[in-house]
Amino acid sequence: MEQHREPQRRRHTLAEEAVGVGTLLLLCAVAAYGWNVIGPDDPLYAVMIACGTFGLGPWIGKPLEHRAPGGWFRAHPVERRPLRLLGVPAFGRLLEASGWNRMVVDPMRDFGGSLSDLPNLERHLRGTMSAHGVGFLVHLLLSLAAAAAGHSVGALWLLLPGVVLHLYPTLLQRWISLRIRPLRCRG
């Protein structure tokens, strides 16, 4: 029975990876089209990229979670001070106060609050870190390309949503990982 489940899970993972890669390629095509038609200096282009990278998350997080080396997700205690200085805990409190976590994040987490649920939370953190990391990378690369092409205003338009929508959520996942680290040692 167990042997039957493993190949089925593997096919499911390959299907998820194919959808993730296809979605990323579609985003690249839309980004190239928008660059040529709208132009990188237009705020509409930055909004289009932000929507695309935000929508990319659910499709790319889980496949990357399985493919990326585990060490990429390990938060180290030395990160605690820089994360605090960057205001990451305040960003987390803002998301909590706004209701974002309750309405969007908590239903996806599959975390009941017990020590036995920590593996589910860690799996969710890895997927979220992966998805937001890729989203920020897209914003960063497009911003660098815009700056290199002489579109400094467009570079800022592209970078700023990436910081808010993807860099800070990635850093927040690392902060949460640091917070649950002592619990993992206990459980």
Protein backbone atom coordinates (compact mmCIF):
# COMPACT_ATOMS: atom_id res chain seq x y z
CA MET A 1 0.00 0.00 0.00
CA GLU A 2 2.79 2.43 0.93
CA GLN A 3 4.62 1.68 -2.33
CA HIS A 4 1.49 2.66 -4.27
CA ARG A 5 1.25 6.05 -2.55
CA GLU A 6 4.83 7.15 -3.21
CA PRO A 7 4.67 7.09 -7.05
CA GLN A 8 1.32 8.89 -6.90
CA ARG A 9 2.84 11.61 -4.66
CA ARG A 10 5.82 11.87 -7.02
CA ARG A 11 3.51 12.40 -10.03
CA HIS A 12 1.62 15.03 -8.06
CA THR A 13 4.88 16.81 -7.25
CA LEU A 14 5.97 16.67 -10.91
CA ALA A 15 2.60 18.10 -11.96
CA GLU A 16 3.01 20.91 -9.41
CA GLU A 17 6.50 21.61 -10.73
CA ALA A 18 5.26 21.72 -14.32
CA VAL A 19 2.51 24.19 -13.39
CA GLY A 20 5.01 26.28 -11.41
CA VAL A 21 7.51 26.45 -14.27
CA GLY A 22 4.75 27.17 -16.77
CA THR A 23 3.41 29.98 -14.60
CA LEU A 24 6.89 31.48 -14.24
CA LEU A 25 7.42 31.32 -18.01
CA LEU A 26 4.04 32.99 -18.56
CA LEU A 27 5.04 35.76 -16.14
CA CYS A 28 8.31 36.24 -18.04
CA ALA A 29 6.41 36.54 -21.33
CA VAL A 30 3.97 39.05 -19.83
CA ALA A 31 6.88 41.02 -18.33
CA ALA A 32 8.64 41.18 -21.71
CA TYR A 33 5.44 42.18 -23.50
CA GLY A 34 4.65 44.84 -20.90
CA TRP A 35 8.18 46.22 -21.06
CA ASN A 36 7.81 46.78 -24.80
CA VAL A 37 4.19 47.95 -24.86
CA ILE A 38 3.74 49.85 -21.58
CA GLY A 39 7.35 50.61 -20.73
CA PRO A 40 9.22 50.19 -17.45
CA ASP A 41 8.72 53.83 -16.35
CA ASP A 42 4.93 53.50 -16.25
CA PRO A 43 3.58 52.66 -12.76
CA LEU A 44 1.04 50.41 -14.47
CA TYR A 45 3.92 48.14 -15.51
CA ALA A 46 5.06 47.86 -11.88
CA VAL A 47 1.49 47.07 -10.79
CA MET A 48 1.25 44.42 -13.51
CA ILE A 49 4.51 42.81 -12.35
CA ALA A 50 3.44 43.00 -8.69
CA CYS A 51 0.14 41.26 -9.49
CA GLY A 52 1.96 38.64 -11.54
CA THR A 53 4.56 37.86 -8.89
CA PHE A 54 1.95 37.82 -6.14
CA GLY A 55 -0.18 35.41 -8.15
CA LEU A 56 2.88 33.28 -8.88
CA GLY A 57 3.32 32.35 -5.22
CA PRO A 58 0.80 29.54 -4.85
CA TRP A 59 2.05 27.87 -8.02
CA ILE A 60 5.78 27.98 -7.34
CA GLY A 61 6.16 27.76 -3.56
CA LYS A 62 5.52 24.07 -3.06
CA PRO A 63 7.70 22.81 -5.94
CA LEU A 64 10.58 25.00 -4.78
CA GLU A 65 10.09 23.89 -1.21
CA HIS A 66 10.83 20.33 -2.34
CA ARG A 67 13.75 21.19 -4.67
CA ALA A 68 15.75 23.79 -2.75
CA PRO A 69 18.46 22.57 -0.36
CA GLY A 70 17.23 22.46 3.24
CA GLY A 71 20.00 24.75 4.46
CA TRP A 72 18.50 27.64 2.51
CA PHE A 73 15.54 27.68 4.87
CA ARG A 74 17.44 27.40 8.14
CA ALA A 75 17.35 30.70 10.00
CA HIS A 76 20.34 31.30 12.25
CA PRO A 77 20.22 33.13 15.60
CA VAL A 78 22.62 35.78 14.25
CA GLU A 79 19.77 36.98 11.99
CA ARG A 80 17.58 38.01 14.93
CA ARG A 81 19.13 41.47 15.47
CA PRO A 82 19.22 42.57 11.78
CA LEU A 83 15.64 41.39 11.30
CA ARG A 84 14.55 43.36 14.34
CA LEU A 85 16.44 46.46 13.12
CA LEU A 86 14.73 46.19 9.72
CA GLY A 87 11.34 46.24 11.43
CA VAL A 88 10.33 42.72 10.45
CA PRO A 89 8.50 42.01 13.74
CA ALA A 90 6.53 45.26 13.28
CA PHE A 91 5.65 44.16 9.74
CA GLY A 92 4.35 40.89 11.20
CA ARG A 93 2.25 42.76 13.75
CA LEU A 94 0.87 44.97 10.95
CA LEU A 95 -0.23 41.90 9.00
CA GLU A 96 -1.80 40.46 12.13
CA ALA A 97 -3.64 43.71 12.98
CA SER A 98 -4.89 44.10 9.41
CA GLY A 99 -6.50 40.64 9.50
CA TRP A 100 -4.34 39.36 6.62
CA ASN A 101 -3.05 36.40 8.64
CA ARG A 102 -6.50 35.43 9.87
CA MET A 103 -8.17 35.67 6.45
CA VAL A 104 -5.40 34.50 4.10
CA VAL A 105 -2.39 32.94 5.80
CA ASP A 106 -3.90 30.86 8.62
CA PRO A 107 -6.19 28.80 6.34
CA MET A 108 -3.16 27.88 4.19
CA ARG A 109 -0.88 27.03 7.12
CA ASP A 110 -2.48 23.81 8.38
CA PHE A 111 -1.16 24.61 11.85
CA GLY A 112 -3.28 23.83 14.88
CA GLY A 113 -0.93 25.38 17.42
CA SER A 114 0.45 22.19 18.95
CA LEU A 115 4.02 20.90 18.93
CA SER A 116 2.93 17.98 16.77
CA ASP A 117 1.81 20.50 14.09
CA LEU A 118 5.26 22.16 13.87
CA PRO A 119 6.31 20.13 10.79
CA ASN A 120 3.25 21.51 8.94
CA LEU A 121 4.16 25.05 9.95
CA GLU A 122 7.78 24.57 8.89
CA ARG A 123 6.67 23.15 5.54
CA HIS A 124 4.42 26.18 5.03
CA LEU A 125 7.28 28.54 5.97
CA ARG A 126 9.59 26.89 3.41
CA GLY A 127 6.99 27.16 0.66
CA THR A 128 6.19 30.76 1.49
CA MET A 129 9.87 31.70 1.73
CA SER A 130 10.47 30.09 -1.67
CA ALA A 131 7.54 31.78 -3.38
CA HIS A 132 8.23 35.23 -1.98
CA GLY A 133 11.94 34.83 -2.64
CA VAL A 134 11.30 34.14 -6.32
CA GLY A 135 8.82 37.03 -6.45
CA PHE A 136 11.41 39.42 -5.02
CA LEU A 137 14.05 38.09 -7.39
CA VAL A 138 11.79 38.93 -10.37
CA HIS A 139 11.29 42.47 -9.05
CA LEU A 140 15.00 42.89 -8.35
CA LEU A 141 16.11 41.66 -11.77
CA LEU A 142 13.57 43.81 -13.61
CA SER A 143 14.55 46.79 -11.48
CA LEU A 144 18.23 46.26 -12.30
CA ALA A 145 17.39 45.89 -15.99
CA ALA A 146 15.37 49.12 -15.90
CA ALA A 147 18.22 50.97 -14.16
CA ALA A 148 20.76 49.62 -16.67
CA ALA A 149 18.51 50.76 -19.53
CA GLY A 150 18.35 54.29 -18.08
CA HIS A 151 14.88 54.01 -16.52
CA SER A 152 15.72 55.04 -12.94
CA VAL A 153 12.11 55.98 -12.11
CA GLY A 154 10.92 52.65 -13.48
CA ALA A 155 13.59 50.86 -11.45
CA LEU A 156 12.12 52.34 -8.27
CA TRP A 157 8.56 51.58 -9.35
CA LEU A 158 9.58 47.96 -9.88
CA LEU A 159 11.66 47.56 -6.73
CA LEU A 160 9.38 49.10 -4.10
CA PRO A 161 6.41 46.73 -4.52
CA GLY A 162 8.87 43.84 -4.50
CA VAL A 163 10.21 44.96 -1.13
CA VAL A 164 6.73 45.23 0.42
CA LEU A 165 5.09 42.22 -1.24
CA HIS A 166 8.02 39.81 -1.25
CA LEU A 167 11.21 40.81 0.57
CA TYR A 168 9.54 41.61 3.89
CA PRO A 169 7.33 38.50 3.80
CA THR A 170 10.47 36.42 3.11
CA LEU A 171 12.21 38.04 6.06
CA LEU A 172 9.10 37.50 8.18
CA GLN A 173 9.23 33.76 7.46
CA ARG A 174 12.83 33.74 8.68
CA TRP A 175 11.74 35.62 11.82
CA ILE A 176 9.00 33.06 12.48
CA SER A 177 11.52 30.25 11.92
CA LEU A 178 13.74 31.79 14.58
CA ARG A 179 10.82 32.02 16.97
CA ILE A 180 9.81 28.37 16.58
CA ARG A 181 13.38 27.05 16.69
CA PRO A 182 13.36 26.53 20.51
CA LEU A 183 10.02 24.72 20.22
CA ARG A 184 11.47 22.30 17.67
CA CYS A 185 14.25 21.43 20.10
CA ARG A 186 11.69 20.71 22.83
CA GLY A 187 9.37 18.64 20.61
